[in-house]
Protein backbone atom coordinates (compact mmCIF):
# COMPACT_ATOMS: atom_id res chain seq x y z
CA MET A 1 -40.10 34.56 116.08
CA PRO A 2 -37.18 36.12 117.90
CA GLU A 3 -38.22 38.24 120.87
CA LYS A 4 -36.28 41.25 119.58
CA GLU A 5 -38.32 41.25 116.34
CA LEU A 6 -41.56 41.10 118.33
CA ASP A 7 -40.41 44.03 120.48
CA ILE A 8 -39.58 46.07 117.37
CA ARG A 9 -42.99 45.37 115.84
CA PHE A 10 -44.65 46.17 119.18
CA HIS A 11 -42.87 49.52 119.48
CA GLU A 12 -43.80 50.35 115.87
CA ALA A 13 -47.46 49.62 116.72
CA VAL A 14 -47.21 51.83 119.83
CA GLU A 15 -45.85 54.62 117.64
CA ILE A 16 -48.79 54.26 115.23
CA ALA A 17 -51.23 54.24 118.14
CA SER A 18 -49.70 57.37 119.65
CA LYS A 19 -50.67 59.27 116.50
CA MET A 20 -54.33 58.22 116.75
CA THR A 21 -56.83 60.43 118.51
CA GLN A 22 -59.00 58.95 121.22
CA SER A 23 -62.09 60.40 119.61
CA SER A 24 -61.38 58.37 116.47
CA LEU A 25 -61.73 55.07 118.35
CA PRO A 26 -64.80 53.59 120.04
CA GLN A 27 -64.43 53.23 123.80
CA ASP A 28 -64.48 49.42 123.69
CA VAL A 29 -61.54 49.49 121.26
CA GLN A 30 -59.69 51.96 123.48
CA LEU A 31 -60.19 49.66 126.47
CA ARG A 32 -59.02 46.60 124.54
CA LEU A 33 -55.89 48.41 123.35
CA TYR A 34 -55.23 49.68 126.86
CA ALA A 35 -55.51 46.16 128.29
CA TYR A 36 -53.23 44.62 125.64
CA TYR A 37 -50.69 47.40 126.16
CA LYS A 38 -50.69 47.05 129.95
CA GLN A 39 -50.43 43.26 129.79
CA ALA A 40 -47.63 43.53 127.20
CA THR A 41 -45.64 46.07 129.20
CA PHE A 42 -46.39 45.18 132.84
CA GLY A 43 -47.64 41.59 132.75
CA THR A 44 -50.52 40.35 134.84
CA ILE A 45 -52.27 43.02 136.87
CA ASP A 46 -51.54 43.17 140.58
CA TYR A 47 -54.97 44.24 141.73
CA ASP A 48 -55.29 45.85 145.15
CA LEU A 49 -58.89 45.91 146.38
CA SER A 50 -58.08 48.78 148.74
CA GLN A 51 -57.38 51.17 145.89
CA ASN A 52 -59.91 53.93 145.35
CA PHE A 53 -61.04 53.78 141.72
CA ASP A 54 -63.16 56.19 139.81
CA LEU A 55 -65.47 54.72 137.17
CA ARG A 56 -63.01 55.27 134.31
CA ASN A 57 -60.20 53.46 136.11
CA ALA A 58 -62.57 50.67 137.09
CA PHE A 59 -63.36 50.02 133.41
CA LYS A 60 -59.66 50.08 132.53
CA THR A 61 -58.78 47.71 135.36
CA ASN A 62 -61.61 45.37 134.38
CA ALA A 63 -60.43 45.30 130.76
CA TRP A 64 -56.91 44.45 131.88
CA MET A 65 -58.11 41.76 134.30
CA GLN A 66 -60.11 40.09 131.52
CA ILE A 67 -56.96 39.43 129.50
CA SER A 68 -54.61 38.72 132.41
CA HIS A 69 -54.37 35.07 131.31
CA LEU A 70 -52.35 36.15 128.25
CA THR A 71 -48.57 36.04 128.24
CA VAL A 72 -46.65 39.24 127.58
CA ASP A 73 -45.81 38.03 124.07
CA GLU A 74 -49.43 37.08 123.33
CA ALA A 75 -50.57 40.53 124.45
CA LYS A 76 -47.96 42.17 122.22
CA GLU A 77 -49.12 40.13 119.21
CA LEU A 78 -52.78 41.01 119.85
CA TYR A 79 -51.91 44.69 120.31
CA ILE A 80 -49.94 44.70 117.03
CA SER A 81 -52.79 42.97 115.19
CA ALA A 82 -55.41 45.36 116.58
CA ILE A 83 -53.38 48.46 115.69
CA ASN A 84 -52.63 47.17 112.18
CA GLU A 85 -56.33 46.42 111.64
CA ILE A 86 -57.34 49.91 112.81
CA ALA A 87 -54.62 51.55 110.71
CA LYS A 88 -55.96 49.82 107.56
CA LYS A 89 -59.33 51.52 107.90
């Protein structure tokens, strides 16, 4: 699939997600979407152990680290799939 088409589908999924309320999604789903989004937009996390994290950011960082083996394109595909699945419900 051409990269441009993937980017278009990814941005469409981001638009759908932006209209969802956080309260409508379980926290584990929110974390998974966050991790896919960060991996898709920034690539592998550059984790600095000296950073001062609160608990919320620690969970977010952990979620991102768990999927850091994915390529940017793989993360985009998983994000798109997850958003489409949620939108069907």
